[in-house]
Amino acid sequence: MKQFIDYIPLLVFISVWTIDERVVSVGGFEHTIGGIYSAAEFLLLTSVLVYGSLFLVQKSLDKFQWITLAAVVIACIPTVIFKNIAFLKWKAPIVNWIFAAIFYASKYVSDKPAIEHMMGHAVDAPKELWYRLNTIWILFFLLLGAINLAVAFGLSEATWVKFKVFGNLGITLVFVMGQMPMLAKYIEVEEDGIDAPKEESI
């Protein structure tokens, strides 16, 4: 459920981007709807509404949600003001590299690596495996950031937008599923007295 809520702003972003640009007049105020700059406006607005609502309900956001929200604000505002999508194109690479830095630093500033903080409540894996997975996640974020940068500045706007919304999700799902064999024997849940595999989302 949490992952779906986090994904709402991107779905709004691509929905607005697909609309042919048109001028909408409301109460004598005219504004252009559709296209990349309008999509950036809606991405900003929807992100603030979604994460603001989560904050009101949960009384907090996790550090990754704060980083994502800050990145959207920092990238979208100059994109809209200066009509330059380069600001928005840099968002995904930078966010992924920040995540990589957090996972790397967690080994030195905490008694648990970041991935164990995220999944340790549900998976009773040995410490060696957590550190191995943490390193794998660091490399994943570094690589995904580089892929996003290459797609953003090397391919068409249409390809970049579709990759931004669907490509990142697909790559991440495949990556997470690839780790399941390593974690499967440590994921257990009691149901009617029988231990069964438990599906845990990140």
N, C-alpha and C. Protein backbone atom coordinates (compact mmCIF):
# COMPACT_ATOMS: atom_id res chain seq x y z
N MET A 1 0.83 -1.20 0.00
CA MET A 1 0.00 0.00 0.00
C MET A 1 0.87 1.26 0.00
N LYS A 2 1.91 1.24 0.84
CA LYS A 2 2.81 2.40 0.92
C LYS A 2 3.45 2.69 -0.42
N GLN A 3 3.89 1.63 -1.12
CA GLN A 3 4.54 1.84 -2.41
C GLN A 3 3.57 2.43 -3.43
N PHE A 4 2.29 2.03 -3.37
CA PHE A 4 1.30 2.58 -4.30
C PHE A 4 1.10 4.06 -4.03
N ILE A 5 0.99 4.43 -2.77
CA ILE A 5 0.80 5.85 -2.41
C ILE A 5 1.98 6.67 -2.91
N ASP A 6 3.20 6.17 -2.71
CA ASP A 6 4.39 6.88 -3.17
C ASP A 6 4.41 7.03 -4.69
N TYR A 7 3.72 6.15 -5.40
CA TYR A 7 3.75 6.13 -6.86
C TYR A 7 2.71 7.06 -7.49
N ILE A 8 1.75 7.53 -6.69
CA ILE A 8 0.67 8.38 -7.21
C ILE A 8 1.19 9.61 -7.95
N PRO A 9 2.15 10.38 -7.40
CA PRO A 9 2.62 11.57 -8.12
C PRO A 9 3.16 11.27 -9.51
N LEU A 10 3.87 10.14 -9.67
CA LEU A 10 4.40 9.79 -10.99
C LEU A 10 3.30 9.43 -11.97
N LEU A 11 2.25 8.77 -11.49
CA LEU A 11 1.12 8.45 -12.36
C LEU A 11 0.42 9.71 -12.82
N VAL A 12 0.29 10.67 -11.92
CA VAL A 12 -0.30 11.96 -12.30
C VAL A 12 0.61 12.67 -13.30
N PHE A 13 1.91 12.60 -13.06
CA PHE A 13 2.90 13.24 -13.93
C PHE A 13 2.76 12.75 -15.37
N ILE A 14 2.75 11.44 -15.58
CA ILE A 14 2.69 10.92 -16.95
C ILE A 14 1.30 11.14 -17.55
N SER A 15 0.26 11.14 -16.73
CA SER A 15 -1.09 11.38 -17.24
C SER A 15 -1.20 12.79 -17.80
N VAL A 16 -0.67 13.78 -17.08
CA VAL A 16 -0.72 15.16 -17.56
C VAL A 16 0.18 15.35 -18.76
N TRP A 17 1.34 14.69 -18.76
CA TRP A 17 2.29 14.80 -19.88
C TRP A 17 1.67 14.32 -21.19
N THR A 18 0.81 13.31 -21.13
CA THR A 18 0.23 12.74 -22.36
C THR A 18 -0.86 13.65 -22.96
N ILE A 19 -1.36 14.61 -22.19
CA ILE A 19 -2.41 15.50 -22.68
C ILE A 19 -1.80 16.53 -23.65
N ASP A 20 -2.44 16.71 -24.78
CA ASP A 20 -2.01 17.77 -25.70
C ASP A 20 -2.17 19.12 -25.01
N GLU A 21 -1.17 19.98 -25.17
CA GLU A 21 -1.21 21.28 -24.49
C GLU A 21 -2.45 22.06 -24.91
N ARG A 22 -3.11 22.61 -23.91
CA ARG A 22 -4.29 23.43 -24.17
C ARG A 22 -4.41 24.47 -23.07
N VAL A 23 -4.99 25.59 -23.40
CA VAL A 23 -5.18 26.66 -22.42
C VAL A 23 -6.54 26.49 -21.77
N VAL A 24 -6.54 26.44 -20.45
CA VAL A 24 -7.78 26.29 -19.69
C VAL A 24 -8.05 27.59 -18.95
N SER A 25 -9.27 28.06 -19.05
CA SER A 25 -9.64 29.31 -18.38
C SER A 25 -10.61 29.02 -17.25
N VAL A 26 -10.24 29.46 -16.04
CA VAL A 26 -11.09 29.28 -14.86
C VAL A 26 -11.20 30.62 -14.14
N GLY A 27 -12.39 31.17 -14.09
CA GLY A 27 -12.60 32.44 -13.40
C GLY A 27 -11.77 33.58 -13.96
N GLY A 28 -11.55 33.56 -15.27
CA GLY A 28 -10.77 34.61 -15.89
C GLY A 28 -9.27 34.38 -15.84
N PHE A 29 -8.86 33.30 -15.16
CA PHE A 29 -7.44 32.96 -15.08
C PHE A 29 -7.13 31.86 -16.08
N GLU A 30 -6.15 32.10 -16.94
CA GLU A 30 -5.79 31.12 -17.97
C GLU A 30 -4.48 30.42 -17.61
N HIS A 31 -4.49 29.11 -17.87
CA HIS A 31 -3.28 28.34 -17.59
C HIS A 31 -3.18 27.19 -18.59
N THR A 32 -1.95 26.86 -18.98
CA THR A 32 -1.72 25.77 -19.93
C THR A 32 -1.67 24.43 -19.20
N ILE A 33 -2.46 23.48 -19.70
CA ILE A 33 -2.48 22.13 -19.16
C ILE A 33 -1.97 21.17 -20.22
N GLY A 34 -1.12 20.25 -19.85
CA GLY A 34 -0.57 19.28 -20.79
C GLY A 34 0.86 19.59 -21.13
N GLY A 35 1.62 18.55 -21.49
CA GLY A 35 3.03 18.74 -21.82
C GLY A 35 3.92 18.62 -20.59
N ILE A 36 5.21 18.72 -20.81
CA ILE A 36 6.19 18.42 -19.76
C ILE A 36 6.18 19.43 -18.63
N TYR A 37 6.02 20.71 -18.93
CA TYR A 37 6.08 21.71 -17.86
C TYR A 37 4.83 21.68 -16.99
N SER A 38 3.70 21.44 -17.61
CA SER A 38 2.47 21.26 -16.84
C SER A 38 2.57 19.99 -15.99
N ALA A 39 3.16 18.93 -16.56
CA ALA A 39 3.34 17.69 -15.82
C ALA A 39 4.23 17.91 -14.60
N ALA A 40 5.27 18.75 -14.76
CA ALA A 40 6.14 19.07 -13.63
C ALA A 40 5.37 19.80 -12.54
N GLU A 41 4.47 20.71 -12.94
CA GLU A 41 3.65 21.42 -11.96
C GLU A 41 2.77 20.45 -11.18
N PHE A 42 2.15 19.52 -11.89
CA PHE A 42 1.28 18.55 -11.22
C PHE A 42 2.08 17.57 -10.37
N LEU A 43 3.29 17.23 -10.81
CA LEU A 43 4.16 16.37 -10.00
C LEU A 43 4.47 17.04 -8.67
N LEU A 44 4.78 18.33 -8.73
CA LEU A 44 5.08 19.09 -7.52
C LEU A 44 3.85 19.16 -6.62
N LEU A 45 2.72 19.55 -7.19
CA LEU A 45 1.50 19.71 -6.40
C LEU A 45 1.06 18.38 -5.78
N THR A 46 1.05 17.32 -6.59
CA THR A 46 0.61 16.02 -6.09
C THR A 46 1.55 15.47 -5.03
N SER A 47 2.84 15.67 -5.20
CA SER A 47 3.81 15.20 -4.20
C SER A 47 3.60 15.89 -2.86
N VAL A 48 3.40 17.21 -2.91
CA VAL A 48 3.16 17.95 -1.67
C VAL A 48 1.87 17.47 -1.00
N LEU A 49 0.82 17.25 -1.79
CA LEU A 49 -0.45 16.79 -1.24
C LEU A 49 -0.33 15.38 -0.66
N VAL A 50 0.32 14.47 -1.40
CA VAL A 50 0.44 13.08 -0.96
C VAL A 50 1.29 12.97 0.30
N TYR A 51 2.49 13.56 0.25
CA TYR A 51 3.38 13.43 1.41
C TYR A 51 2.89 14.30 2.58
N GLY A 52 2.24 15.42 2.27
CA GLY A 52 1.65 16.22 3.32
C GLY A 52 0.55 15.45 4.04
N SER A 53 -0.28 14.76 3.28
CA SER A 53 -1.35 13.94 3.87
C SER A 53 -0.79 12.80 4.69
N LEU A 54 0.25 12.15 4.16
CA LEU A 54 0.90 11.07 4.91
C LEU A 54 1.47 11.59 6.24
N PHE A 55 2.06 12.78 6.19
CA PHE A 55 2.63 13.35 7.40
C PHE A 55 1.55 13.65 8.43
N LEU A 56 0.41 14.15 7.97
CA LEU A 56 -0.69 14.46 8.89
C LEU A 56 -1.26 13.18 9.51
N VAL A 57 -1.34 12.12 8.71
CA VAL A 57 -1.91 10.86 9.20
C VAL A 57 -0.93 10.10 10.08
N GLN A 58 0.33 10.00 9.61
CA GLN A 58 1.33 9.20 10.32
C GLN A 58 2.12 9.99 11.36
N LYS A 59 2.02 11.31 11.28
CA LYS A 59 2.80 12.22 12.14
C LYS A 59 4.28 12.20 11.82
N SER A 60 4.64 11.55 10.72
CA SER A 60 6.05 11.50 10.31
C SER A 60 6.16 10.96 8.90
N LEU A 61 7.33 11.17 8.28
CA LEU A 61 7.71 10.53 7.02
C LEU A 61 9.05 9.87 7.24
N ASP A 62 9.32 8.78 6.51
CA ASP A 62 10.64 8.19 6.65
C ASP A 62 11.64 9.03 5.85
N LYS A 63 12.92 8.78 6.10
CA LYS A 63 13.95 9.63 5.49
C LYS A 63 13.93 9.58 3.98
N PHE A 64 13.55 8.44 3.40
CA PHE A 64 13.52 8.32 1.95
C PHE A 64 12.37 9.14 1.36
N GLN A 65 11.25 9.21 2.07
CA GLN A 65 10.15 10.05 1.62
C GLN A 65 10.50 11.52 1.70
N TRP A 66 11.19 11.93 2.77
CA TRP A 66 11.64 13.32 2.89
C TRP A 66 12.57 13.68 1.74
N ILE A 67 13.51 12.79 1.42
CA ILE A 67 14.46 13.04 0.34
C ILE A 67 13.74 13.14 -0.99
N THR A 68 12.80 12.22 -1.24
CA THR A 68 12.05 12.25 -2.49
C THR A 68 11.25 13.54 -2.63
N LEU A 69 10.56 13.94 -1.55
CA LEU A 69 9.77 15.17 -1.59
C LEU A 69 10.67 16.38 -1.82
N ALA A 70 11.79 16.46 -1.10
CA ALA A 70 12.71 17.59 -1.27
C ALA A 70 13.24 17.64 -2.69
N ALA A 71 13.56 16.47 -3.26
CA ALA A 71 14.09 16.43 -4.62
C ALA A 71 13.05 16.91 -5.63
N VAL A 72 11.79 16.52 -5.43
CA VAL A 72 10.72 16.97 -6.33
C VAL A 72 10.59 18.49 -6.28
N VAL A 73 10.58 19.04 -5.08
CA VAL A 73 10.45 20.49 -4.92
C VAL A 73 11.61 21.22 -5.57
N ILE A 74 12.83 20.75 -5.29
CA ILE A 74 14.04 21.40 -5.80
C ILE A 74 14.14 21.28 -7.32
N ALA A 75 13.66 20.16 -7.89
CA ALA A 75 13.76 19.94 -9.34
C ALA A 75 12.62 20.61 -10.11
N CYS A 76 11.42 20.55 -9.55
CA CYS A 76 10.25 21.03 -10.31
C CYS A 76 10.15 22.55 -10.35
N ILE A 77 10.46 23.22 -9.25
CA ILE A 77 10.30 24.67 -9.23
C ILE A 77 11.16 25.35 -10.30
N PRO A 78 12.48 25.08 -10.39
CA PRO A 78 13.25 25.72 -11.47
C PRO A 78 12.87 25.22 -12.86
N THR A 79 12.41 23.96 -12.96
CA THR A 79 11.94 23.45 -14.26
C THR A 79 10.79 24.31 -14.78
N VAL A 80 9.85 24.62 -13.90
CA VAL A 80 8.68 25.41 -14.29
C VAL A 80 9.05 26.88 -14.51
N ILE A 81 9.86 27.44 -13.62
CA ILE A 81 10.21 28.86 -13.70
C ILE A 81 11.04 29.15 -14.95
N PHE A 82 12.06 28.33 -15.19
CA PHE A 82 13.00 28.60 -16.29
C PHE A 82 12.67 27.83 -17.57
N LYS A 83 11.60 27.02 -17.52
CA LYS A 83 11.21 26.22 -18.69
C LYS A 83 12.40 25.41 -19.22
N ASN A 84 13.03 24.72 -18.31
CA ASN A 84 14.22 23.92 -18.63
C ASN A 84 14.09 22.57 -17.92
N ILE A 85 13.87 21.50 -18.69
CA ILE A 85 13.64 20.19 -18.07
C ILE A 85 14.92 19.53 -17.59
N ALA A 86 16.07 20.15 -17.82
CA ALA A 86 17.32 19.58 -17.32
C ALA A 86 17.29 19.42 -15.81
N PHE A 87 16.65 20.38 -15.11
CA PHE A 87 16.55 20.29 -13.66
C PHE A 87 15.80 19.02 -13.25
N LEU A 88 14.71 18.73 -13.94
CA LEU A 88 13.91 17.56 -13.62
C LEU A 88 14.64 16.27 -14.01
N LYS A 89 15.40 16.33 -15.09
CA LYS A 89 16.13 15.14 -15.54
C LYS A 89 17.22 14.72 -14.55
N TRP A 90 17.74 15.67 -13.80
CA TRP A 90 18.78 15.35 -12.83
C TRP A 90 18.21 14.79 -11.53
N LYS A 91 16.90 14.88 -11.32
CA LYS A 91 16.32 14.46 -10.05
C LYS A 91 16.57 12.99 -9.75
N ALA A 92 16.19 12.10 -10.65
CA ALA A 92 16.31 10.67 -10.40
C ALA A 92 17.76 10.22 -10.18
N PRO A 93 18.71 10.64 -11.03
CA PRO A 93 20.11 10.25 -10.75
C PRO A 93 20.59 10.70 -9.38
N ILE A 94 20.32 11.95 -9.03
CA ILE A 94 20.81 12.49 -7.76
C ILE A 94 20.15 11.78 -6.58
N VAL A 95 18.84 11.54 -6.65
CA VAL A 95 18.15 10.84 -5.56
C VAL A 95 18.71 9.44 -5.37
N ASN A 96 18.94 8.72 -6.47
CA ASN A 96 19.50 7.38 -6.37
C ASN A 96 20.90 7.41 -5.75
N TRP A 97 21.69 8.40 -6.12
CA TRP A 97 23.04 8.49 -5.55
C TRP A 97 23.01 8.89 -4.09
N ILE A 98 22.03 9.69 -3.69
CA ILE A 98 21.86 10.02 -2.27
C ILE A 98 21.49 8.76 -1.48
N PHE A 99 20.60 7.96 -2.04
CA PHE A 99 20.24 6.70 -1.39
C PHE A 99 21.47 5.80 -1.25
N ALA A 100 22.30 5.74 -2.29
CA ALA A 100 23.52 4.94 -2.23
C ALA A 100 24.42 5.44 -1.10
N ALA A 101 24.53 6.74 -0.96
CA ALA A 101 25.37 7.32 0.09
C ALA A 101 24.82 6.99 1.47
N ILE A 102 23.49 7.02 1.62
CA ILE A 102 22.87 6.68 2.91
C ILE A 102 23.14 5.22 3.26
N PHE A 103 22.98 4.33 2.30
CA PHE A 103 23.23 2.91 2.55
C PHE A 103 24.71 2.68 2.90
N TYR A 104 25.58 3.39 2.23
CA TYR A 104 27.02 3.26 2.51
C TYR A 104 27.34 3.78 3.91
N ALA A 105 26.84 4.95 4.24
CA ALA A 105 27.14 5.57 5.54
C ALA A 105 26.55 4.78 6.70
N SER A 106 25.44 4.08 6.45
CA SER A 106 24.77 3.35 7.53
C SER A 106 25.68 2.30 8.17
N LYS A 107 26.65 1.82 7.42
CA LYS A 107 27.56 0.81 7.96
C LYS A 107 28.46 1.38 9.05
N TYR A 108 28.62 2.70 9.03
CA TYR A 108 29.57 3.35 9.94
C TYR A 108 28.90 4.18 11.04
N VAL A 109 27.63 4.56 10.83
CA VAL A 109 26.97 5.43 11.80
C VAL A 109 25.89 4.69 12.59
N SER A 110 25.71 3.41 12.31
CA SER A 110 24.67 2.64 12.98
C SER A 110 25.16 1.22 13.22
N ASP A 111 24.51 0.54 14.16
CA ASP A 111 24.86 -0.85 14.42
C ASP A 111 24.21 -1.79 13.41
N LYS A 112 23.36 -1.22 12.55
CA LYS A 112 22.72 -2.01 11.49
C LYS A 112 22.87 -1.30 10.16
N PRO A 113 23.10 -2.04 9.08
CA PRO A 113 23.09 -1.40 7.75
C PRO A 113 21.67 -1.00 7.39
N ALA A 114 21.53 -0.08 6.45
CA ALA A 114 20.22 0.48 6.11
C ALA A 114 19.21 -0.59 5.71
N ILE A 115 19.63 -1.58 4.96
CA ILE A 115 18.70 -2.59 4.49
C ILE A 115 18.14 -3.40 5.66
N GLU A 116 18.93 -3.59 6.72
CA GLU A 116 18.43 -4.31 7.89
C GLU A 116 17.42 -3.44 8.65
N HIS A 117 17.65 -2.14 8.69
CA HIS A 117 16.67 -1.25 9.30
C HIS A 117 15.34 -1.34 8.58
N MET A 118 15.39 -1.51 7.25
CA MET A 118 14.17 -1.55 6.45
C MET A 118 13.44 -2.88 6.57
N MET A 119 14.19 -3.99 6.62
CA MET A 119 13.57 -5.31 6.53
C MET A 119 13.79 -6.19 7.75
N GLY A 120 14.64 -5.75 8.67
CA GLY A 120 15.01 -6.60 9.80
C GLY A 120 13.85 -7.00 10.69
N HIS A 121 12.77 -6.18 10.72
CA HIS A 121 11.62 -6.52 11.56
C HIS A 121 10.88 -7.74 11.05
N ALA A 122 11.10 -8.09 9.78
CA ALA A 122 10.35 -9.20 9.17
C ALA A 122 11.25 -10.36 8.76
N VAL A 123 12.55 -10.12 8.67
CA VAL A 123 13.48 -11.15 8.20
C VAL A 123 14.58 -11.33 9.23
N ASP A 124 14.69 -12.53 9.77
CA ASP A 124 15.70 -12.83 10.79
C ASP A 124 16.93 -13.44 10.14
N ALA A 125 17.65 -12.61 9.39
CA ALA A 125 18.82 -13.08 8.64
C ALA A 125 20.10 -12.78 9.43
N PRO A 126 21.16 -13.52 9.17
CA PRO A 126 22.43 -13.25 9.87
C PRO A 126 23.04 -11.92 9.43
N LYS A 127 23.85 -11.35 10.31
CA LYS A 127 24.44 -10.04 10.07
C LYS A 127 25.25 -10.01 8.77
N GLU A 128 25.97 -11.09 8.49
CA GLU A 128 26.80 -11.13 7.28
C GLU A 128 25.95 -10.94 6.02
N LEU A 129 24.76 -11.54 6.02
CA LEU A 129 23.89 -11.43 4.85
C LEU A 129 23.37 -10.01 4.71
N TRP A 130 23.05 -9.35 5.83
CA TRP A 130 22.57 -7.97 5.76
C TRP A 130 23.62 -7.05 5.17
N TYR A 131 24.87 -7.24 5.58
CA TYR A 131 25.93 -6.39 5.04
C TYR A 131 26.17 -6.67 3.55
N ARG A 132 26.04 -7.93 3.17
CA ARG A 132 26.19 -8.28 1.75
C ARG A 132 25.07 -7.64 0.93
N LEU A 133 23.83 -7.74 1.43
CA LEU A 133 22.70 -7.14 0.73
C LEU A 133 22.83 -5.62 0.69
N ASN A 134 23.32 -5.04 1.75
CA ASN A 134 23.49 -3.58 1.79
C ASN A 134 24.45 -3.12 0.69
N THR A 135 25.53 -3.87 0.51
CA THR A 135 26.49 -3.55 -0.55
C THR A 135 25.85 -3.69 -1.92
N ILE A 136 25.04 -4.73 -2.09
CA ILE A 136 24.34 -4.94 -3.36
C ILE A 136 23.42 -3.76 -3.64
N TRP A 137 22.72 -3.26 -2.61
CA TRP A 137 21.83 -2.12 -2.79
C TRP A 137 22.60 -0.85 -3.13
N ILE A 138 23.76 -0.67 -2.54
CA ILE A 138 24.60 0.49 -2.87
C ILE A 138 24.94 0.48 -4.36
N LEU A 139 25.39 -0.68 -4.84
CA LEU A 139 25.75 -0.80 -6.25
C LEU A 139 24.53 -0.60 -7.14
N PHE A 140 23.38 -1.11 -6.69
CA PHE A 140 22.14 -0.95 -7.46
C PHE A 140 21.78 0.52 -7.61
N PHE A 141 21.81 1.28 -6.52
CA PHE A 141 21.46 2.70 -6.59
C PHE A 141 22.45 3.48 -7.45
N LEU A 142 23.72 3.15 -7.36
CA LEU A 142 24.72 3.82 -8.20
C LEU A 142 24.44 3.56 -9.68
N LEU A 143 24.18 2.29 -10.00
CA LEU A 143 23.92 1.91 -11.39
C LEU A 143 22.62 2.50 -11.89
N LEU A 144 21.56 2.45 -11.07
CA LEU A 144 20.27 2.97 -11.49
C LEU A 144 20.35 4.48 -11.72
N GLY A 145 21.12 5.17 -10.89
CA GLY A 145 21.31 6.60 -11.11
C GLY A 145 21.99 6.87 -12.44
N ALA A 146 23.01 6.08 -12.77
CA ALA A 146 23.73 6.25 -14.03
C ALA A 146 22.82 5.94 -15.23
N ILE A 147 21.99 4.90 -15.10
CA ILE A 147 21.06 4.54 -16.17
C ILE A 147 20.05 5.67 -16.39
N ASN A 148 19.52 6.23 -15.30
CA ASN A 148 18.57 7.34 -15.41
C ASN A 148 19.21 8.54 -16.09
N LEU A 149 20.47 8.82 -15.76
CA LEU A 149 21.16 9.94 -16.37
C LEU A 149 21.34 9.73 -17.87
N ALA A 150 21.74 8.50 -18.25
CA ALA A 150 21.93 8.20 -19.66
C ALA A 150 20.64 8.28 -20.45
N VAL A 151 19.56 7.76 -19.88
CA VAL A 151 18.26 7.81 -20.56
C VAL A 151 17.78 9.25 -20.67
N ALA A 152 17.92 10.03 -19.59
CA ALA A 152 17.41 11.40 -19.57
C ALA A 152 18.08 12.28 -20.61
N PHE A 153 19.40 12.16 -20.74
CA PHE A 153 20.12 13.07 -21.63
C PHE A 153 20.54 12.44 -22.96
N GLY A 154 20.32 11.12 -23.09
CA GLY A 154 20.74 10.46 -24.32
C GLY A 154 19.61 10.02 -25.22
N LEU A 155 18.39 9.98 -24.67
CA LEU A 155 17.25 9.51 -25.45
C LEU A 155 16.17 10.59 -25.52
N SER A 156 15.10 10.30 -26.22
CA SER A 156 14.04 11.29 -26.43
C SER A 156 13.29 11.58 -25.14
N GLU A 157 12.58 12.71 -25.15
CA GLU A 157 11.77 13.07 -23.97
C GLU A 157 10.73 11.99 -23.68
N ALA A 158 10.09 11.47 -24.72
CA ALA A 158 9.07 10.45 -24.53
C ALA A 158 9.64 9.20 -23.88
N THR A 159 10.81 8.77 -24.35
CA THR A 159 11.46 7.59 -23.77
C THR A 159 11.83 7.84 -22.32
N TRP A 160 12.36 9.03 -22.05
CA TRP A 160 12.75 9.38 -20.69
C TRP A 160 11.55 9.37 -19.75
N VAL A 161 10.44 9.99 -20.16
CA VAL A 161 9.25 10.05 -19.30
C VAL A 161 8.73 8.65 -19.00
N LYS A 162 8.64 7.82 -20.02
CA LYS A 162 8.13 6.45 -19.82
C LYS A 162 9.07 5.63 -18.94
N PHE A 163 10.38 5.83 -19.14
CA PHE A 163 11.33 5.11 -18.30
C PHE A 163 11.24 5.60 -16.86
N LYS A 164 11.10 6.91 -16.69
CA LYS A 164 11.00 7.51 -15.37
C LYS A 164 9.84 6.91 -14.57
N VAL A 165 8.73 6.68 -15.25
CA VAL A 165 7.53 6.19 -14.57
C VAL A 165 7.50 4.67 -14.48
N PHE A 166 7.80 3.98 -15.59
CA PHE A 166 7.65 2.53 -15.62
C PHE A 166 8.98 1.77 -15.58
N GLY A 167 10.01 2.32 -16.21
CA GLY A 167 11.29 1.61 -16.27
C GLY A 167 11.92 1.42 -14.91
N ASN A 168 11.96 2.48 -14.12
CA ASN A 168 12.55 2.38 -12.79
C ASN A 168 11.81 1.37 -11.92
N LEU A 169 10.47 1.38 -12.01
CA LEU A 169 9.67 0.44 -11.24
C LEU A 169 9.97 -0.99 -11.65
N GLY A 170 10.01 -1.24 -12.96
CA GLY A 170 10.28 -2.59 -13.45
C GLY A 170 11.65 -3.09 -13.04
N ILE A 171 12.66 -2.25 -13.19
CA ILE A 171 14.02 -2.64 -12.81
C ILE A 171 14.10 -2.94 -11.32
N THR A 172 13.45 -2.10 -10.50
CA THR A 172 13.49 -2.30 -9.05
C THR A 172 12.78 -3.58 -8.64
N LEU A 173 11.64 -3.87 -9.27
CA LEU A 173 10.92 -5.11 -8.95
C LEU A 173 11.75 -6.34 -9.29
N VAL A 174 12.38 -6.33 -10.47
CA VAL A 174 13.22 -7.46 -10.87
C VAL A 174 14.40 -7.60 -9.90
N PHE A 175 14.98 -6.47 -9.52
CA PHE A 175 16.11 -6.48 -8.59
C PHE A 175 15.70 -7.06 -7.23
N VAL A 176 14.56 -6.62 -6.72
CA VAL A 176 14.09 -7.12 -5.42
C VAL A 176 13.77 -8.61 -5.50
N MET A 177 13.10 -9.04 -6.57
CA MET A 177 12.77 -10.45 -6.72
C MET A 177 14.03 -11.31 -6.80
N GLY A 178 15.09 -10.73 -7.39
CA GLY A 178 16.35 -11.47 -7.50
C GLY A 178 16.99 -11.76 -6.16
N GLN A 179 16.61 -11.01 -5.13
CA GLN A 179 17.17 -11.23 -3.80
C GLN A 179 16.37 -12.23 -2.97
N MET A 180 15.17 -12.57 -3.43
CA MET A 180 14.31 -13.45 -2.65
C MET A 180 14.92 -14.81 -2.34
N PRO A 181 15.64 -15.43 -3.31
CA PRO A 181 16.25 -16.71 -2.95
C PRO A 181 17.23 -16.61 -1.79
N MET A 182 17.90 -15.47 -1.64
CA MET A 182 18.84 -15.27 -0.55
C MET A 182 18.12 -15.13 0.80
N LEU A 183 16.90 -14.61 0.75
CA LEU A 183 16.18 -14.31 1.99
C LEU A 183 15.08 -15.31 2.32
N ALA A 184 14.70 -16.14 1.35
CA ALA A 184 13.52 -16.98 1.49
C ALA A 184 13.53 -17.81 2.77
N LYS A 185 14.64 -18.43 3.10
CA LYS A 185 14.64 -19.33 4.26
C LYS A 185 14.61 -18.58 5.59
N TYR A 186 14.78 -17.25 5.52
CA TYR A 186 14.74 -16.46 6.75
C TYR A 186 13.41 -15.75 6.94
N ILE A 187 12.54 -15.83 5.92
CA ILE A 187 11.24 -15.15 5.98
C ILE A 187 10.19 -16.17 6.40
N GLU A 188 9.68 -16.02 7.60
CA GLU A 188 8.70 -16.96 8.11
C GLU A 188 7.57 -16.21 8.79
N VAL A 189 6.38 -16.78 8.69
CA VAL A 189 5.22 -16.23 9.38
C VAL A 189 4.39 -17.39 9.90
N GLU A 190 3.88 -17.27 11.12
CA GLU A 190 3.07 -18.33 11.69
C GLU A 190 1.62 -18.15 11.25
N GLU A 191 1.08 -19.18 10.66
CA GLU A 191 -0.33 -19.14 10.22
C GLU A 191 -0.94 -20.49 10.50
N ASP A 192 -1.88 -20.54 11.48
CA ASP A 192 -2.50 -21.78 11.90
C ASP A 192 -1.47 -22.81 12.33
N GLY A 193 -0.41 -22.33 12.98
CA GLY A 193 0.61 -23.23 13.49
C GLY A 193 1.62 -23.68 12.47
N ILE A 194 1.51 -23.19 11.23
CA ILE A 194 2.43 -23.61 10.16
C ILE A 194 3.21 -22.43 9.67
N ASP A 195 4.53 -22.60 9.54
CA ASP A 195 5.35 -21.52 9.02
C ASP A 195 5.19 -21.45 7.50
N ALA A 196 4.94 -20.27 7.01
CA ALA A 196 4.77 -20.09 5.56
C ALA A 196 5.59 -18.90 5.11
N PRO A 197 5.99 -18.90 3.82
CA PRO A 197 6.74 -17.76 3.32
C PRO A 197 5.93 -16.49 3.46
N LYS A 198 6.61 -15.38 3.77
CA LYS A 198 5.96 -14.09 3.92
C LYS A 198 6.52 -13.14 2.88
N GLU A 199 5.63 -12.44 2.23
CA GLU A 199 6.03 -11.47 1.22
C GLU A 199 6.28 -10.14 1.90
N GLU A 200 7.47 -9.59 1.75
CA GLU A 200 7.83 -8.33 2.40
C GLU A 200 8.20 -7.32 1.34
N SER A 201 7.59 -6.15 1.40
CA SER A 201 7.88 -5.10 0.43
C SER A 201 8.91 -4.17 0.99
N ILE A 202 9.62 -3.47 0.08
CA ILE A 202 10.67 -2.50 0.48
C ILE A 202 10.19 -1.13 0.13
